[in-house]
């Protein structure tokens, strides 16, 4: 489906946590909000993230070091 292809295109892109990720929440990437989950840890809203992959209908992200 088109939505899944959109998620695949976001892998490697940077964004920002729109909500706290504890470990799940929302991120903003490419001007759009997505459900996301941190692979490890916690991030406050406003933290820079990078998309590392996707699950069924959400993104897997990491904090940018």
Protein backbone atom coordinates (compact mmCIF):
# COMPACT_ATOMS: atom_id res chain seq x y z
CA UNK A 1 0.00 0.00 0.00
CA UNK A 2 0.96 3.61 -0.51
CA UNK A 3 1.19 4.37 3.24
CA UNK A 4 3.78 1.62 3.77
CA UNK A 5 5.85 2.90 0.84
CA UNK A 6 5.73 6.40 2.40
CA UNK A 7 7.13 4.99 5.66
CA UNK A 8 9.91 3.16 3.81
CA UNK A 9 11.01 6.42 2.15
CA UNK A 10 11.51 8.03 5.56
CA UNK A 11 14.26 5.62 6.66
CA UNK A 12 17.44 7.65 7.23
CA UNK A 13 15.61 10.99 7.51
CA UNK A 14 15.94 13.17 10.59
CA UNK A 15 13.06 14.71 12.50
CA UNK A 16 11.98 15.74 15.96
CA UNK A 17 9.98 14.10 18.73
CA UNK A 18 6.60 15.86 18.72
CA UNK A 19 5.67 14.19 22.02
CA UNK A 20 7.73 12.39 24.63
CA UNK A 21 8.83 8.95 23.42
CA UNK A 22 8.48 6.62 26.39
CA UNK A 23 9.30 4.56 24.30
CA UNK A 24 6.31 5.26 21.99
CA UNK A 25 4.83 8.59 20.92
CA UNK A 26 4.73 10.84 17.89
CA UNK A 27 7.49 12.30 15.76
CA UNK A 28 7.51 14.90 13.02
CA UNK A 29 9.47 14.03 9.89
CA UNK A 30 9.27 15.82 6.54
CA UNK A 31 6.51 18.09 7.86
CA UNK A 32 4.19 15.23 8.87
CA UNK A 33 3.43 13.50 12.19
CA UNK A 34 3.84 9.78 12.60
CA UNK A 35 3.45 7.26 15.40
CA UNK A 36 6.91 6.11 16.42
CA UNK A 37 8.81 3.97 18.89
CA UNK A 38 12.35 4.34 20.20
CA UNK A 39 14.44 1.22 19.83
CA UNK A 40 16.00 1.95 23.25
CA UNK A 41 15.42 4.51 25.99
CA UNK A 42 13.38 7.68 26.40
CA UNK A 43 13.28 11.04 24.62
CA UNK A 44 11.61 14.31 25.54
CA UNK A 45 9.48 16.30 23.10
CA UNK A 46 11.77 18.40 20.91
CA UNK A 47 14.59 15.83 20.83
CA UNK A 48 16.16 15.27 17.40
CA UNK A 49 15.61 11.77 16.05
CA UNK A 50 16.54 9.72 12.99
CA UNK A 51 14.31 7.09 11.39
CA UNK A 52 15.97 3.65 11.43
CA UNK A 53 13.10 1.49 10.17
CA UNK A 54 9.41 0.80 10.44
CA UNK A 55 7.00 -1.67 11.96
CA UNK A 56 3.48 -2.34 10.69
CA UNK A 57 2.19 1.23 10.87
CA UNK A 58 4.80 3.17 12.81
CA UNK A 59 8.42 4.24 12.62
CA UNK A 60 11.36 2.90 14.60
CA UNK A 61 13.58 5.82 15.61
CA UNK A 62 16.81 6.61 17.48
CA UNK A 63 17.94 9.77 19.22
CA UNK A 64 20.49 11.71 17.15
CA UNK A 65 23.76 11.73 19.10
